[in-house]
Amino acid sequence: MLDKAQENLLRTDQDGVARLELNTPKSINALSESMLADLSDALAQIKDDRGIKVVILATSGNHFCAGHNLKEMSHHRNEADGGHDYFIRLFASCSKMMQQIVTLPQPVIAEVKGIATAAGCQLVASCDLAIAEEDARFATSGVNIGLFCSTPMVALTRNVSSKHAMEMLLTGEFIPAERAERIGLINRVVAKSELTNATQEMARNIASKSKLAVKMGKEAFYKQSEMALNEAYDFAGRVMADNMMANDAKSGIGAFIDKKPMPDWDD
């Protein structure tokens, strides 16, 4: 069922999974001002949609995302300040959208084909999970045109080790999907013909779990990752105790002990 269609973005909902598809293949699905706005709006709607348990972020055409729209950005060079205020606003809106993905109650899975470069690579790194076709390639290529990928660096360094991140940022070279999986940028590499099915299978798997447990777990994951070890354990212990008080945990644990099928989870 097609719920929403825009020039930039397509949304399809099925069985608790929302599929958002960037739909500007002529620009390699660049993150233009309007694309950022549409993505931000869609994520805001999904956040409060009780029927959605998982989000798949995909794209039309042959590639995932080429990052910011450089032609659109360059038009602002003629402004009195050379475009500086515009660039501040643009990168802030992009950063806001990336953080919406992280703070979204529902897990977000990137479905990656072709190239994902600069802010496109940032988009992959910002998602909770990522599956890529075997021919996909990833880069933070801004350094090649004199623009260090500073904002993509934030998401990248929260996914891969410092030396792997620095190599990508300093060289701007593309890495293949197999290496992206090896260094932790993505979860899985599949054949091109299997990409959509593999992503949907992962989404259905997650959608079958307790929505409350997943929501609490995702939020706690990102919060504890920024804490010192002892603080993280204290925080995670309180989260788990709160989770234990929920009906889903009571009924799920009871079914496990009694060797019965898992119950229907609360909405």
Protein backbone atom coordinates (compact mmCIF):
# COMPACT_ATOMS: atom_id res chain seq x y z
CA MET A 1 0.00 0.00 0.00
CA LEU A 2 1.46 3.34 -1.06
CA ASP A 3 0.74 5.85 1.69
CA LYS A 4 2.68 8.87 0.54
CA ALA A 5 4.38 9.97 -2.65
CA GLN A 6 6.42 13.11 -3.11
CA GLU A 7 8.86 14.21 -5.77
CA ASN A 8 11.77 13.55 -3.42
CA LEU A 9 10.57 10.79 -1.15
CA LEU A 10 8.32 7.73 -1.36
CA ARG A 11 6.84 6.06 1.71
CA THR A 12 5.29 2.60 1.72
CA ASP A 13 3.94 0.94 4.89
CA GLN A 14 3.43 -2.80 5.21
CA ASP A 15 3.15 -5.07 8.25
CA GLY A 16 4.57 -2.54 10.66
CA VAL A 17 7.51 -1.62 8.40
CA ALA A 18 7.80 1.83 6.80
CA ARG A 19 9.93 1.97 3.67
CA LEU A 20 11.30 5.43 2.87
CA GLU A 21 12.79 5.68 -0.60
CA LEU A 22 14.89 8.65 -1.70
CA ASN A 23 13.57 9.30 -5.19
CA THR A 24 15.87 11.69 -7.06
CA PRO A 25 18.13 9.29 -8.99
CA LYS A 26 19.22 11.98 -11.49
CA SER A 27 21.09 13.72 -8.67
CA ILE A 28 22.17 10.36 -7.20
CA ASN A 29 19.62 11.01 -4.45
CA ALA A 30 21.58 14.03 -3.20
CA LEU A 31 20.62 15.54 0.14
CA SER A 32 19.23 18.79 -1.21
CA GLU A 33 17.43 21.27 1.04
CA SER A 34 14.06 19.85 0.01
CA MET A 35 15.22 16.24 0.45
CA LEU A 36 16.46 17.01 3.96
CA ALA A 37 13.16 18.69 4.79
CA ASP A 38 11.10 15.80 3.44
CA LEU A 39 13.19 13.23 5.29
CA SER A 40 12.92 15.22 8.51
CA ASP A 41 9.14 15.51 8.13
CA ALA A 42 8.76 11.80 7.38
CA LEU A 43 10.83 10.79 10.40
CA ALA A 44 8.80 13.14 12.62
CA GLN A 45 5.58 11.48 11.41
CA ILE A 46 6.95 7.98 11.91
CA LYS A 47 8.13 8.79 15.43
CA ASP A 48 4.51 9.18 16.58
CA ASP A 49 3.09 6.41 14.37
CA ARG A 50 2.20 3.55 16.73
CA GLY A 51 1.72 1.20 13.80
CA ILE A 52 5.34 1.44 12.62
CA LYS A 53 7.91 -0.83 14.28
CA VAL A 54 10.84 -0.63 11.84
CA VAL A 55 12.00 1.75 9.10
CA ILE A 56 13.88 0.82 5.93
CA LEU A 57 15.79 3.68 4.29
CA ALA A 58 16.28 2.87 0.62
CA THR A 59 16.73 4.69 -2.70
CA SER A 60 15.56 4.57 -6.30
CA GLY A 61 17.96 4.34 -9.20
CA ASN A 62 21.31 2.58 -9.16
CA HIS A 63 22.92 4.33 -6.20
CA PHE A 64 22.26 5.14 -2.56
CA CYS A 65 23.29 8.77 -2.04
CA ALA A 66 25.99 11.13 -3.30
CA GLY A 67 25.81 13.42 -0.26
CA HIS A 68 24.99 17.13 -0.35
CA ASN A 69 23.86 18.81 -3.55
CA LEU A 70 27.01 20.74 -4.45
CA LYS A 71 25.39 22.68 -7.30
CA GLU A 72 22.65 23.92 -4.98
CA MET A 73 25.23 24.88 -2.37
CA SER A 74 27.41 26.73 -4.86
CA HIS A 75 24.55 29.05 -5.86
CA HIS A 76 24.88 30.73 -2.45
CA ARG A 77 28.49 31.78 -3.07
CA ASN A 78 27.14 35.03 -4.52
CA GLU A 79 25.56 36.15 -1.25
CA ALA A 80 27.12 39.02 0.71
CA ASP A 81 28.83 36.67 3.21
CA GLY A 82 29.89 34.20 0.53
CA GLY A 83 27.18 31.81 1.66
CA HIS A 84 28.56 31.24 5.16
CA ASP A 85 25.24 31.70 7.01
CA TYR A 86 23.51 29.45 4.48
CA PHE A 87 26.13 26.75 4.93
CA ILE A 88 25.71 26.93 8.72
CA ARG A 89 21.94 26.47 8.36
CA LEU A 90 22.30 23.67 5.80
CA PHE A 91 24.72 21.60 7.85
CA ALA A 92 22.62 22.19 10.96
CA SER A 93 19.49 20.90 9.21
CA CYS A 94 21.40 17.87 7.94
CA SER A 95 22.78 17.15 11.41
CA LYS A 96 19.29 17.48 12.87
CA MET A 97 17.92 14.93 10.40
CA MET A 98 20.77 12.48 11.12
CA GLN A 99 20.08 12.80 14.84
CA GLN A 100 16.39 12.16 14.21
CA ILE A 101 17.38 8.74 12.89
CA VAL A 102 19.38 7.98 16.03
CA THR A 103 16.66 9.20 18.41
CA LEU A 104 13.78 7.61 16.48
CA PRO A 105 12.07 4.98 18.67
CA GLN A 106 11.98 2.58 15.74
CA PRO A 107 15.17 0.95 14.40
CA VAL A 108 16.26 2.18 10.97
CA ILE A 109 17.88 -0.13 8.40
CA ALA A 110 19.81 1.31 5.45
CA GLU A 111 19.41 -0.64 2.19
CA VAL A 112 22.51 0.32 0.21
CA LYS A 113 23.24 -0.08 -3.47
CA GLY A 114 25.83 1.61 -5.67
CA ILE A 115 27.72 4.45 -4.04
CA ALA A 116 27.22 6.06 -0.64
CA THR A 117 29.62 8.96 -0.36
CA ALA A 118 30.16 12.01 1.87
CA ALA A 119 26.83 12.80 3.59
CA GLY A 120 25.47 9.69 1.87
CA CYS A 121 28.00 7.62 3.80
CA GLN A 122 27.02 9.64 6.88
CA LEU A 123 23.42 8.60 6.27
CA VAL A 124 24.41 4.92 6.27
CA ALA A 125 26.48 5.36 9.43
CA SER A 126 23.61 7.16 11.16
CA CYS A 127 21.22 4.25 10.62
CA ASP A 128 21.04 1.57 13.30
CA LEU A 129 21.70 -1.23 10.81
CA ALA A 130 22.81 -1.46 7.19
CA ILE A 131 22.70 -4.13 4.49
CA ALA A 132 24.51 -3.54 1.20
CA GLU A 133 24.67 -5.23 -2.15
CA GLU A 134 28.01 -6.75 -3.08
CA ASP A 135 28.83 -3.97 -5.58
CA ALA A 136 28.16 -1.10 -3.15
CA ARG A 137 31.00 1.30 -2.34
CA PHE A 138 31.49 3.79 0.46
CA ALA A 139 33.58 6.95 0.84
CA THR A 140 33.94 10.23 2.67
CA SER A 141 35.23 11.89 -0.46
CA GLY A 142 35.02 15.57 0.41
CA VAL A 143 38.78 15.87 0.88
CA ASN A 144 39.17 15.21 -2.86
CA ILE A 145 37.47 18.53 -3.64
CA GLY A 146 38.97 20.55 -0.80
CA LEU A 147 36.14 20.02 1.70
CA PHE A 148 36.92 17.73 4.63
CA CYS A 149 33.89 15.59 5.57
CA SER A 150 33.64 16.98 9.11
CA THR A 151 29.96 16.27 9.76
CA PRO A 152 30.06 12.79 8.15
CA MET A 153 33.05 12.20 10.44
CA VAL A 154 30.77 12.38 13.49
CA ALA A 155 28.68 9.40 12.41
CA LEU A 156 31.62 7.53 10.87
CA THR A 157 33.73 7.63 14.04
CA ARG A 158 30.82 6.19 16.01
CA ASN A 159 30.81 3.13 13.74
CA VAL A 160 34.42 2.27 12.89
CA SER A 161 37.78 2.49 14.60
CA SER A 162 39.75 5.75 14.61
CA LYS A 163 42.37 4.58 12.14
CA HIS A 164 39.82 3.21 9.67
CA ALA A 165 37.83 6.44 9.94
CA MET A 166 40.94 8.59 9.44
CA GLU A 167 41.95 6.56 6.39
CA MET A 168 38.56 7.12 4.78
CA LEU A 169 38.47 10.81 5.71
CA LEU A 170 42.05 11.62 4.66
CA THR A 171 42.20 9.64 1.41
CA GLY A 172 38.63 10.09 0.18
CA GLU A 173 38.95 6.70 -1.50
CA PHE A 174 36.02 4.33 -1.99
CA ILE A 175 36.02 1.08 -0.08
CA PRO A 176 34.06 -1.98 -1.27
CA ALA A 177 31.11 -3.41 0.61
CA GLU A 178 33.14 -6.38 1.82
CA ARG A 179 35.61 -4.08 3.60
CA ALA A 180 32.83 -1.83 4.88
CA GLU A 181 31.36 -4.90 6.57
CA ARG A 182 34.75 -5.92 7.94
CA ILE A 183 35.38 -2.56 9.62
CA GLY A 184 31.86 -2.29 11.02
CA LEU A 185 30.28 0.34 8.79
CA ILE A 186 27.59 -2.09 7.62
CA ASN A 187 26.16 -5.34 8.97
CA ARG A 188 25.91 -7.57 5.95
CA VAL A 189 26.76 -7.90 2.26
CA VAL A 190 24.36 -9.74 -0.04
CA ALA A 191 23.97 -10.37 -3.75
CA LYS A 192 22.31 -7.56 -5.68
CA SER A 193 19.27 -9.73 -6.40
CA GLU A 194 18.84 -10.47 -2.68
CA LEU A 195 19.19 -6.91 -1.31
CA THR A 196 15.53 -5.97 -0.91
CA ASN A 197 14.51 -9.38 0.42
CA ALA A 198 17.39 -9.43 2.91
CA THR A 199 16.49 -6.00 4.24
CA GLN A 200 12.82 -6.86 4.49
CA GLU A 201 13.62 -10.13 6.26
CA MET A 202 15.68 -8.27 8.88
CA ALA A 203 12.92 -5.69 9.27
CA ARG A 204 10.25 -8.37 9.74
CA ASN A 205 12.43 -10.14 12.30
CA ILE A 206 12.78 -6.95 14.38
CA ALA A 207 9.10 -6.05 13.90
CA SER A 208 8.15 -9.38 15.49
CA LYS A 209 9.78 -8.37 18.80
CA SER A 210 8.26 -6.38 21.63
CA LYS A 211 7.97 -2.80 20.41
CA LEU A 212 8.50 -1.46 23.92
CA ALA A 213 11.62 -3.56 24.52
CA VAL A 214 13.11 -2.48 21.18
CA LYS A 215 12.33 1.19 21.85
CA MET A 216 13.87 1.07 25.33
CA GLY A 217 16.85 -0.88 24.08
CA LYS A 218 17.66 1.43 21.17
CA GLU A 219 17.47 4.53 23.34
CA ALA A 220 19.63 2.92 26.03
CA PHE A 221 22.18 1.71 23.48
CA TYR A 222 23.08 5.20 22.32
CA LYS A 223 22.96 6.76 25.77
CA GLN A 224 25.24 4.20 27.43
CA SER A 225 27.76 4.32 24.58
CA GLU A 226 28.69 7.87 25.61
CA MET A 227 29.09 7.03 29.32
CA ALA A 228 31.96 5.82 31.46
CA LEU A 229 31.84 2.06 32.14
CA ASN A 230 30.46 2.27 35.69
CA GLU A 231 27.89 4.90 34.70
CA ALA A 232 26.83 2.79 31.74
CA TYR A 233 26.24 -0.26 33.92
CA ASP A 234 24.27 1.75 36.48
CA PHE A 235 22.14 3.31 33.75
CA ALA A 236 21.59 0.03 31.88
CA GLY A 237 20.62 -1.73 35.11
CA ARG A 238 17.88 0.85 35.76
CA VAL A 239 16.63 0.51 32.19
CA MET A 240 16.48 -3.28 32.51
CA ALA A 241 14.63 -3.04 35.81
CA ASP A 242 12.07 -0.71 34.21
CA ASN A 243 11.77 -3.11 31.27
CA MET A 244 11.14 -6.00 33.68
CA MET A 245 8.06 -4.17 35.01
CA ALA A 246 6.44 -4.01 31.55
CA ASN A 247 3.66 -6.42 30.56
CA ASP A 248 5.65 -7.65 27.56
CA ALA A 249 8.53 -8.79 29.77
CA LYS A 250 6.18 -10.42 32.28
CA SER A 251 4.25 -12.37 29.66
CA GLY A 252 7.31 -13.16 27.52
CA ILE A 253 9.37 -14.50 30.41
CA GLY A 254 6.37 -16.45 31.67
CA ALA A 255 5.87 -18.06 28.27
CA PHE A 256 9.56 -18.96 28.07
CA ILE A 257 9.54 -20.57 31.52
CA ASP A 258 6.33 -22.47 30.77
CA LYS A 259 7.63 -23.50 27.34
CA LYS A 260 4.70 -21.84 25.60
CA PRO A 261 4.64 -19.77 22.39
CA MET A 262 5.55 -16.13 22.76
CA PRO A 263 2.47 -13.97 23.37
CA ASP A 264 1.18 -11.13 21.25
CA TRP A 265 3.08 -8.06 22.37
CA ASP A 266 1.40 -4.91 23.65
CA ASP A 267 1.12 -2.05 21.16
